N, C-alpha and C. Protein backbone atom coordinates (compact mmCIF):
# COMPACT_ATOMS: atom_id res chain seq x y z
N MET A 1 -205.94 38.19 -87.51
CA MET A 1 -205.43 39.05 -86.46
C MET A 1 -205.27 38.18 -85.21
N GLU A 2 -204.11 38.25 -84.60
CA GLU A 2 -203.90 37.40 -83.45
C GLU A 2 -204.76 37.84 -82.27
N LYS A 3 -205.22 36.85 -81.53
CA LYS A 3 -206.18 37.06 -80.45
C LYS A 3 -205.63 37.99 -79.35
N GLU A 4 -204.37 37.84 -78.99
CA GLU A 4 -203.79 38.64 -77.91
C GLU A 4 -203.76 40.13 -78.28
N ARG A 5 -203.36 40.42 -79.51
CA ARG A 5 -203.32 41.82 -79.95
C ARG A 5 -204.72 42.42 -79.98
N LEU A 6 -205.68 41.63 -80.42
CA LEU A 6 -207.06 42.11 -80.47
C LEU A 6 -207.59 42.36 -79.05
N SER A 7 -207.23 41.51 -78.12
CA SER A 7 -207.64 41.71 -76.72
C SER A 7 -207.03 42.99 -76.16
N LEU A 8 -205.79 43.26 -76.49
CA LEU A 8 -205.13 44.48 -76.05
C LEU A 8 -205.82 45.71 -76.63
N LEU A 9 -206.15 45.65 -77.91
CA LEU A 9 -206.86 46.76 -78.55
C LEU A 9 -208.19 47.02 -77.86
N LYS A 10 -208.96 45.97 -77.63
CA LYS A 10 -210.26 46.12 -76.98
C LYS A 10 -210.12 46.70 -75.58
N ALA A 11 -209.14 46.24 -74.83
CA ALA A 11 -208.92 46.76 -73.47
C ALA A 11 -208.54 48.24 -73.51
N SER A 12 -207.71 48.62 -74.47
CA SER A 12 -207.31 50.02 -74.61
C SER A 12 -208.50 50.89 -74.98
N ILE A 13 -209.34 50.40 -75.87
CA ILE A 13 -210.54 51.13 -76.27
C ILE A 13 -211.47 51.28 -75.08
N GLU A 14 -211.69 50.21 -74.35
CA GLU A 14 -212.59 50.26 -73.18
C GLU A 14 -212.09 51.25 -72.13
N ALA A 15 -210.80 51.28 -71.89
CA ALA A 15 -210.24 52.23 -70.93
C ALA A 15 -210.47 53.66 -71.39
N GLN A 16 -210.29 53.91 -72.68
CA GLN A 16 -210.50 55.26 -73.20
C GLN A 16 -211.98 55.64 -73.17
N LEU A 17 -212.87 54.68 -73.40
CA LEU A 17 -214.30 54.96 -73.33
C LEU A 17 -214.72 55.37 -71.92
N LYS A 18 -214.09 54.81 -70.91
CA LYS A 18 -214.38 55.22 -69.53
C LYS A 18 -213.98 56.68 -69.31
N GLU A 19 -212.87 57.07 -69.88
CA GLU A 19 -212.43 58.47 -69.77
C GLU A 19 -213.43 59.39 -70.48
N ILE A 20 -213.88 58.98 -71.66
CA ILE A 20 -214.86 59.77 -72.40
C ILE A 20 -216.15 59.91 -71.60
N GLU A 21 -216.61 58.84 -70.99
CA GLU A 21 -217.83 58.89 -70.18
C GLU A 21 -217.66 59.81 -68.97
N ARG A 22 -216.49 59.80 -68.38
CA ARG A 22 -216.21 60.67 -67.23
C ARG A 22 -216.31 62.14 -67.64
N ILE A 23 -215.82 62.46 -68.82
CA ILE A 23 -215.89 63.84 -69.30
C ILE A 23 -217.32 64.22 -69.67
N PHE A 24 -218.05 63.29 -70.30
CA PHE A 24 -219.46 63.57 -70.60
C PHE A 24 -220.22 63.88 -69.30
N ALA A 25 -219.94 63.18 -68.23
CA ALA A 25 -220.61 63.43 -66.95
C ALA A 25 -220.32 64.84 -66.46
N LYS A 26 -219.08 65.29 -66.61
CA LYS A 26 -218.73 66.65 -66.20
C LYS A 26 -219.47 67.69 -67.05
N ILE A 27 -219.59 67.41 -68.34
CA ILE A 27 -220.30 68.34 -69.23
C ILE A 27 -221.76 68.45 -68.80
N GLU A 28 -222.38 67.33 -68.54
CA GLU A 28 -223.79 67.36 -68.13
C GLU A 28 -223.95 68.08 -66.80
N GLU A 29 -223.03 67.88 -65.91
CA GLU A 29 -223.07 68.51 -64.59
C GLU A 29 -222.90 70.04 -64.68
N ARG A 30 -222.11 70.51 -65.63
CA ARG A 30 -221.77 71.93 -65.71
C ARG A 30 -222.56 72.72 -66.74
N ARG A 31 -223.39 72.08 -67.51
CA ARG A 31 -224.03 72.77 -68.63
C ARG A 31 -225.05 73.82 -68.23
N GLN A 32 -225.54 73.80 -67.02
CA GLN A 32 -226.52 74.79 -66.57
C GLN A 32 -225.89 76.01 -65.93
N GLY A 33 -224.58 76.02 -65.81
CA GLY A 33 -223.89 77.14 -65.16
C GLY A 33 -224.11 78.45 -65.89
N LYS A 34 -224.18 79.52 -65.14
CA LYS A 34 -224.46 80.85 -65.74
C LYS A 34 -223.28 81.82 -65.65
N SER A 35 -222.36 81.59 -64.73
CA SER A 35 -221.26 82.54 -64.57
C SER A 35 -220.20 82.33 -65.65
N VAL A 36 -219.36 83.34 -65.80
CA VAL A 36 -218.26 83.25 -66.77
C VAL A 36 -217.34 82.09 -66.41
N ALA A 37 -217.05 81.93 -65.13
CA ALA A 37 -216.17 80.84 -64.69
C ALA A 37 -216.78 79.47 -65.01
N GLU A 38 -218.09 79.34 -64.82
CA GLU A 38 -218.77 78.07 -65.13
C GLU A 38 -218.79 77.82 -66.64
N LEU A 39 -218.98 78.88 -67.42
CA LEU A 39 -218.94 78.75 -68.87
C LEU A 39 -217.56 78.33 -69.34
N GLU A 40 -216.54 78.92 -68.76
CA GLU A 40 -215.16 78.54 -69.12
C GLU A 40 -214.86 77.11 -68.72
N SER A 41 -215.36 76.69 -67.58
CA SER A 41 -215.17 75.31 -67.13
C SER A 41 -215.85 74.34 -68.09
N LEU A 42 -217.06 74.68 -68.52
CA LEU A 42 -217.78 73.85 -69.48
C LEU A 42 -217.03 73.78 -70.80
N ALA A 43 -216.54 74.92 -71.28
CA ALA A 43 -215.79 74.95 -72.53
C ALA A 43 -214.52 74.10 -72.42
N TYR A 44 -213.88 74.16 -71.27
CA TYR A 44 -212.68 73.34 -71.05
C TYR A 44 -213.02 71.85 -71.13
N GLN A 45 -214.15 71.46 -70.58
CA GLN A 45 -214.55 70.04 -70.65
C GLN A 45 -214.90 69.64 -72.09
N LEU A 46 -215.48 70.53 -72.86
CA LEU A 46 -215.75 70.23 -74.28
C LEU A 46 -214.42 70.04 -75.02
N HIS A 47 -213.46 70.88 -74.72
CA HIS A 47 -212.10 70.74 -75.26
C HIS A 47 -211.54 69.37 -74.88
N ASN A 48 -211.67 69.02 -73.60
CA ASN A 48 -211.15 67.72 -73.12
C ASN A 48 -211.87 66.55 -73.78
N LEU A 49 -213.16 66.71 -74.04
CA LEU A 49 -213.91 65.63 -74.68
C LEU A 49 -213.33 65.31 -76.04
N TYR A 50 -213.08 66.35 -76.85
CA TYR A 50 -212.51 66.06 -78.15
C TYR A 50 -211.13 65.42 -78.01
N CYS A 51 -210.33 65.94 -77.09
CA CYS A 51 -209.00 65.36 -76.88
C CYS A 51 -209.09 63.88 -76.50
N ALA A 52 -210.08 63.52 -75.69
CA ALA A 52 -210.26 62.12 -75.30
C ALA A 52 -210.67 61.27 -76.49
N PHE A 53 -211.53 61.81 -77.34
CA PHE A 53 -211.89 61.08 -78.57
C PHE A 53 -210.67 60.94 -79.48
N GLU A 54 -209.89 62.01 -79.59
CA GLU A 54 -208.71 61.94 -80.43
C GLU A 54 -207.72 60.89 -79.90
N ASP A 55 -207.61 60.77 -78.59
CA ASP A 55 -206.76 59.71 -78.03
C ASP A 55 -207.29 58.33 -78.43
N LEU A 56 -208.60 58.18 -78.46
CA LEU A 56 -209.20 56.92 -78.94
C LEU A 56 -208.81 56.68 -80.39
N PHE A 57 -208.88 57.71 -81.22
CA PHE A 57 -208.53 57.57 -82.63
C PHE A 57 -207.06 57.18 -82.79
N LYS A 58 -206.21 57.72 -81.94
CA LYS A 58 -204.78 57.39 -81.99
C LYS A 58 -204.56 55.92 -81.63
N ILE A 59 -205.34 55.41 -80.70
CA ILE A 59 -205.25 53.99 -80.33
C ILE A 59 -205.57 53.13 -81.55
N VAL A 60 -206.67 53.47 -82.22
CA VAL A 60 -207.09 52.70 -83.40
C VAL A 60 -206.09 52.85 -84.53
N ALA A 61 -205.70 54.08 -84.84
CA ALA A 61 -204.74 54.31 -85.93
C ALA A 61 -203.40 53.65 -85.63
N GLY A 62 -202.97 53.72 -84.38
CA GLY A 62 -201.70 53.11 -84.00
C GLY A 62 -201.72 51.60 -84.15
N PHE A 63 -202.86 51.01 -83.92
CA PHE A 63 -202.99 49.56 -84.02
C PHE A 63 -202.99 49.11 -85.48
N PHE A 64 -203.62 49.90 -86.35
CA PHE A 64 -203.80 49.47 -87.74
C PHE A 64 -202.88 50.15 -88.74
N GLU A 65 -202.97 51.46 -88.87
CA GLU A 65 -202.24 52.11 -89.96
C GLU A 65 -201.20 53.13 -89.50
N ASN A 66 -201.49 53.91 -88.49
CA ASN A 66 -200.51 54.73 -87.77
C ASN A 66 -199.73 55.80 -88.54
N ARG A 67 -200.05 56.12 -89.76
CA ARG A 67 -199.26 57.15 -90.43
C ARG A 67 -200.14 58.21 -91.05
N ILE A 68 -199.90 59.44 -90.64
CA ILE A 68 -200.54 60.59 -91.26
C ILE A 68 -199.40 61.49 -91.68
N GLU A 69 -199.28 61.68 -92.97
CA GLU A 69 -198.12 62.36 -93.53
C GLU A 69 -198.15 63.87 -93.31
N GLU A 70 -199.29 64.50 -93.58
CA GLU A 70 -199.34 65.96 -93.54
C GLU A 70 -199.62 66.45 -92.12
N ARG A 71 -198.60 66.92 -91.43
CA ARG A 71 -198.71 67.32 -90.03
C ARG A 71 -199.63 68.54 -89.85
N ALA A 72 -199.71 69.41 -90.85
CA ALA A 72 -200.52 70.62 -90.71
C ALA A 72 -202.01 70.28 -90.57
N LYS A 73 -202.42 69.17 -91.13
CA LYS A 73 -203.83 68.78 -91.06
C LYS A 73 -204.02 67.51 -90.24
N TYR A 74 -203.11 67.26 -89.34
CA TYR A 74 -203.11 66.02 -88.57
C TYR A 74 -204.46 65.75 -87.90
N HIS A 75 -205.01 66.72 -87.19
CA HIS A 75 -206.22 66.50 -86.40
C HIS A 75 -207.42 66.21 -87.30
N SER A 76 -207.60 66.98 -88.37
CA SER A 76 -208.73 66.73 -89.26
C SER A 76 -208.53 65.44 -90.05
N GLU A 77 -207.31 65.12 -90.42
CA GLU A 77 -207.04 63.88 -91.16
C GLU A 77 -207.26 62.65 -90.29
N LEU A 78 -206.81 62.71 -89.03
CA LEU A 78 -207.03 61.59 -88.11
C LEU A 78 -208.52 61.34 -87.94
N LEU A 79 -209.30 62.38 -87.74
CA LEU A 79 -210.74 62.24 -87.60
C LEU A 79 -211.36 61.68 -88.88
N ARG A 80 -210.98 62.22 -90.02
CA ARG A 80 -211.52 61.76 -91.31
C ARG A 80 -211.27 60.26 -91.51
N ARG A 81 -210.09 59.82 -91.13
CA ARG A 81 -209.76 58.40 -91.29
C ARG A 81 -210.67 57.49 -90.49
N MET A 82 -211.17 57.99 -89.38
CA MET A 82 -212.00 57.14 -88.52
C MET A 82 -213.37 56.86 -89.11
N LYS A 83 -213.79 57.62 -90.12
CA LYS A 83 -215.09 57.37 -90.74
C LYS A 83 -214.96 56.48 -91.98
N ILE A 84 -213.74 56.17 -92.35
CA ILE A 84 -213.59 55.33 -93.54
C ILE A 84 -213.17 53.90 -93.16
N SER A 85 -213.66 52.99 -93.94
CA SER A 85 -213.27 51.60 -93.81
C SER A 85 -212.05 51.39 -94.71
N ILE A 86 -211.05 50.72 -94.20
CA ILE A 86 -209.85 50.45 -95.00
C ILE A 86 -209.84 48.96 -95.31
N GLU A 87 -210.20 48.67 -96.54
CA GLU A 87 -210.37 47.27 -96.94
C GLU A 87 -209.12 46.44 -96.64
N GLY A 88 -209.34 45.32 -96.01
CA GLY A 88 -208.25 44.43 -95.67
C GLY A 88 -207.48 44.85 -94.43
N VAL A 89 -207.83 46.01 -93.85
CA VAL A 89 -207.11 46.51 -92.69
C VAL A 89 -208.04 46.63 -91.48
N ARG A 90 -209.09 47.47 -91.63
CA ARG A 90 -210.02 47.67 -90.51
C ARG A 90 -211.33 48.27 -91.01
N PRO A 91 -212.41 48.06 -90.24
CA PRO A 91 -213.67 48.72 -90.57
C PRO A 91 -213.63 50.18 -90.12
N ALA A 92 -214.62 50.95 -90.54
CA ALA A 92 -214.75 52.34 -90.08
C ALA A 92 -215.06 52.32 -88.59
N LEU A 93 -214.54 53.29 -87.86
CA LEU A 93 -214.84 53.42 -86.44
C LEU A 93 -216.09 54.26 -86.23
N LEU A 94 -216.30 55.27 -87.08
CA LEU A 94 -217.37 56.24 -86.87
C LEU A 94 -218.40 56.22 -87.99
N SER A 95 -219.64 56.49 -87.62
CA SER A 95 -220.69 56.73 -88.61
C SER A 95 -220.53 58.14 -89.16
N GLU A 96 -221.21 58.44 -90.23
CA GLU A 96 -221.16 59.78 -90.82
C GLU A 96 -221.67 60.82 -89.82
N GLU A 97 -222.73 60.51 -89.11
CA GLU A 97 -223.30 61.45 -88.14
C GLU A 97 -222.33 61.71 -86.99
N SER A 98 -221.72 60.68 -86.44
CA SER A 98 -220.74 60.88 -85.37
C SER A 98 -219.56 61.70 -85.88
N TYR A 99 -219.14 61.42 -87.09
CA TYR A 99 -218.04 62.17 -87.69
C TYR A 99 -218.38 63.66 -87.74
N ARG A 100 -219.58 63.98 -88.22
CA ARG A 100 -220.01 65.37 -88.34
C ARG A 100 -220.00 66.08 -86.97
N LEU A 101 -220.55 65.41 -85.96
CA LEU A 101 -220.59 65.98 -84.62
C LEU A 101 -219.19 66.15 -84.04
N LEU A 102 -218.34 65.17 -84.25
CA LEU A 102 -216.96 65.27 -83.77
C LEU A 102 -216.17 66.35 -84.50
N ASP A 103 -216.47 66.56 -85.78
CA ASP A 103 -215.79 67.61 -86.52
C ASP A 103 -216.16 68.98 -85.95
N SER A 104 -217.41 69.14 -85.55
CA SER A 104 -217.84 70.38 -84.90
C SER A 104 -217.09 70.55 -83.57
N LEU A 105 -216.97 69.48 -82.82
CA LEU A 105 -216.25 69.51 -81.55
C LEU A 105 -214.76 69.79 -81.77
N ARG A 106 -214.20 69.24 -82.84
CA ARG A 106 -212.79 69.48 -83.19
C ARG A 106 -212.58 70.97 -83.49
N ALA A 107 -213.48 71.56 -84.24
CA ALA A 107 -213.37 72.98 -84.57
C ALA A 107 -213.45 73.84 -83.30
N PHE A 108 -214.34 73.46 -82.38
CA PHE A 108 -214.44 74.20 -81.13
C PHE A 108 -213.16 74.05 -80.32
N ARG A 109 -212.62 72.85 -80.26
CA ARG A 109 -211.37 72.61 -79.53
C ARG A 109 -210.26 73.50 -80.08
N HIS A 110 -210.19 73.61 -81.40
CA HIS A 110 -209.18 74.45 -82.03
C HIS A 110 -209.38 75.92 -81.61
N PHE A 111 -210.62 76.39 -81.70
CA PHE A 111 -210.93 77.75 -81.28
C PHE A 111 -210.55 77.97 -79.82
N PHE A 112 -210.95 77.04 -78.96
CA PHE A 112 -210.72 77.18 -77.53
C PHE A 112 -209.23 77.25 -77.21
N ARG A 113 -208.45 76.44 -77.88
CA ARG A 113 -207.00 76.41 -77.63
C ARG A 113 -206.30 77.70 -78.03
N HIS A 114 -206.91 78.41 -79.01
CA HIS A 114 -206.24 79.58 -79.57
C HIS A 114 -206.99 80.89 -79.26
N ALA A 115 -207.97 80.85 -78.39
CA ALA A 115 -208.81 82.03 -78.12
C ALA A 115 -208.35 82.77 -76.87
N TYR A 116 -207.12 83.17 -76.86
CA TYR A 116 -206.57 83.83 -75.68
C TYR A 116 -207.24 85.16 -75.37
N SER A 117 -207.63 85.88 -76.39
CA SER A 117 -208.17 87.22 -76.15
C SER A 117 -209.66 87.33 -76.49
N TYR A 118 -210.34 86.22 -76.62
CA TYR A 118 -211.76 86.23 -76.96
C TYR A 118 -212.60 85.84 -75.75
N GLU A 119 -213.76 86.44 -75.67
CA GLU A 119 -214.74 86.02 -74.68
C GLU A 119 -215.55 84.89 -75.29
N LEU A 120 -215.88 83.91 -74.48
CA LEU A 120 -216.73 82.82 -74.97
C LEU A 120 -218.15 83.31 -75.12
N ASP A 121 -218.78 82.94 -76.21
CA ASP A 121 -220.18 83.29 -76.45
C ASP A 121 -221.04 82.14 -75.91
N PRO A 122 -221.84 82.38 -74.89
CA PRO A 122 -222.65 81.31 -74.29
C PRO A 122 -223.56 80.60 -75.29
N ARG A 123 -224.04 81.34 -76.30
CA ARG A 123 -224.91 80.71 -77.32
C ARG A 123 -224.12 79.71 -78.16
N LYS A 124 -222.90 80.06 -78.50
CA LYS A 124 -222.08 79.15 -79.31
C LYS A 124 -221.65 77.94 -78.50
N VAL A 125 -221.31 78.17 -77.24
CA VAL A 125 -220.96 77.04 -76.37
C VAL A 125 -222.17 76.11 -76.22
N ALA A 126 -223.36 76.68 -76.09
CA ALA A 126 -224.58 75.88 -75.97
C ALA A 126 -224.78 75.00 -77.20
N LEU A 127 -224.46 75.51 -78.38
CA LEU A 127 -224.58 74.70 -79.61
C LEU A 127 -223.59 73.54 -79.60
N VAL A 128 -222.39 73.79 -79.12
CA VAL A 128 -221.39 72.72 -79.05
C VAL A 128 -221.82 71.67 -78.02
N VAL A 129 -222.38 72.11 -76.91
CA VAL A 129 -222.90 71.17 -75.90
C VAL A 129 -224.00 70.32 -76.52
N GLU A 130 -224.88 70.95 -77.28
CA GLU A 130 -225.96 70.22 -77.95
C GLU A 130 -225.40 69.13 -78.86
N ASP A 131 -224.38 69.47 -79.64
CA ASP A 131 -223.74 68.48 -80.51
C ASP A 131 -223.09 67.37 -79.69
N ALA A 132 -222.44 67.74 -78.59
CA ALA A 132 -221.79 66.74 -77.74
C ALA A 132 -222.81 65.77 -77.17
N LEU A 133 -223.96 66.28 -76.76
CA LEU A 133 -224.99 65.40 -76.19
C LEU A 133 -225.63 64.51 -77.26
N LYS A 134 -225.72 65.00 -78.50
CA LYS A 134 -226.17 64.13 -79.60
C LYS A 134 -225.14 63.02 -79.83
N LEU A 135 -223.88 63.40 -79.78
CA LEU A 135 -222.79 62.43 -79.96
C LEU A 135 -222.84 61.36 -78.88
N LYS A 136 -223.16 61.78 -77.66
CA LYS A 136 -223.21 60.83 -76.54
C LYS A 136 -224.19 59.69 -76.82
N LYS A 137 -225.25 59.99 -77.55
CA LYS A 137 -226.26 58.98 -77.87
C LYS A 137 -225.83 58.06 -79.01
N LEU A 138 -224.80 58.46 -79.77
CA LEU A 138 -224.41 57.73 -80.98
C LEU A 138 -223.12 56.92 -80.89
N TYR A 139 -222.13 57.47 -80.20
CA TYR A 139 -220.78 56.94 -80.37
C TYR A 139 -220.62 55.50 -79.88
N GLN A 140 -221.32 55.12 -78.82
CA GLN A 140 -221.15 53.76 -78.29
C GLN A 140 -221.57 52.71 -79.32
N GLN A 141 -222.64 53.00 -80.06
CA GLN A 141 -223.07 52.07 -81.11
C GLN A 141 -222.00 51.95 -82.20
N ASP A 142 -221.37 53.07 -82.54
CA ASP A 142 -220.28 53.03 -83.52
C ASP A 142 -219.14 52.13 -83.03
N ILE A 143 -218.77 52.29 -81.78
CA ILE A 143 -217.67 51.50 -81.22
C ILE A 143 -218.06 50.02 -81.18
N ASP A 144 -219.28 49.74 -80.75
CA ASP A 144 -219.75 48.35 -80.71
C ASP A 144 -219.72 47.71 -82.10
N ASN A 145 -220.18 48.45 -83.11
CA ASN A 145 -220.15 47.93 -84.49
C ASN A 145 -218.72 47.66 -84.94
N PHE A 146 -217.82 48.58 -84.62
CA PHE A 146 -216.42 48.43 -84.98
C PHE A 146 -215.83 47.17 -84.36
N LEU A 147 -216.03 47.00 -83.06
CA LEU A 147 -215.46 45.86 -82.35
C LEU A 147 -216.07 44.55 -82.83
N GLU A 148 -217.35 44.56 -83.14
CA GLU A 148 -218.03 43.37 -83.66
C GLU A 148 -217.39 42.89 -84.96
N GLN A 149 -217.06 43.85 -85.81
CA GLN A 149 -216.49 43.51 -87.11
C GLN A 149 -215.05 43.02 -87.01
N LEU A 150 -214.41 43.24 -85.87
CA LEU A 150 -213.03 42.80 -85.69
C LEU A 150 -212.92 41.35 -85.20
N GLN A 151 -214.05 40.74 -84.90
CA GLN A 151 -214.01 39.36 -84.39
C GLN A 151 -213.24 38.46 -85.33
N PRO A 152 -212.32 37.65 -84.79
CA PRO A 152 -211.55 36.74 -85.66
C PRO A 152 -212.49 35.75 -86.34
N GLU A 153 -212.15 35.43 -87.56
CA GLU A 153 -212.96 34.47 -88.35
C GLU A 153 -212.92 33.10 -87.74
């Protein structure tokens, strides 16, 4: 893998990680809110968190393989690909545990985007926040492992 392309990939990943950290900070700041407006704001940030991770996955997929055929399952397929190593192409980006937590966040994002007439359940939002905070402790190690394995021979 040429050094310049690898440097570009790393810079793109680092920029996206800063965005993810910014959203995590907002989630932590808003998680104690009690009003409906604060709950909705928190849910919106959880939605944004998954979108930011998905943008990271698009960076990786675009650099290496970039094709997902079935558009109906695009979001779940893109996430699934990030937990697998593609021999001769790239290592896995995510651990099994990070994948599981992100899949929960993906499901919440889908619900949030399509829940026009539903009230948010504070207990369910609290569970998603709990998963997001577990993810916060894991994902950086996954990214570090991924980048380490990309070092040119």
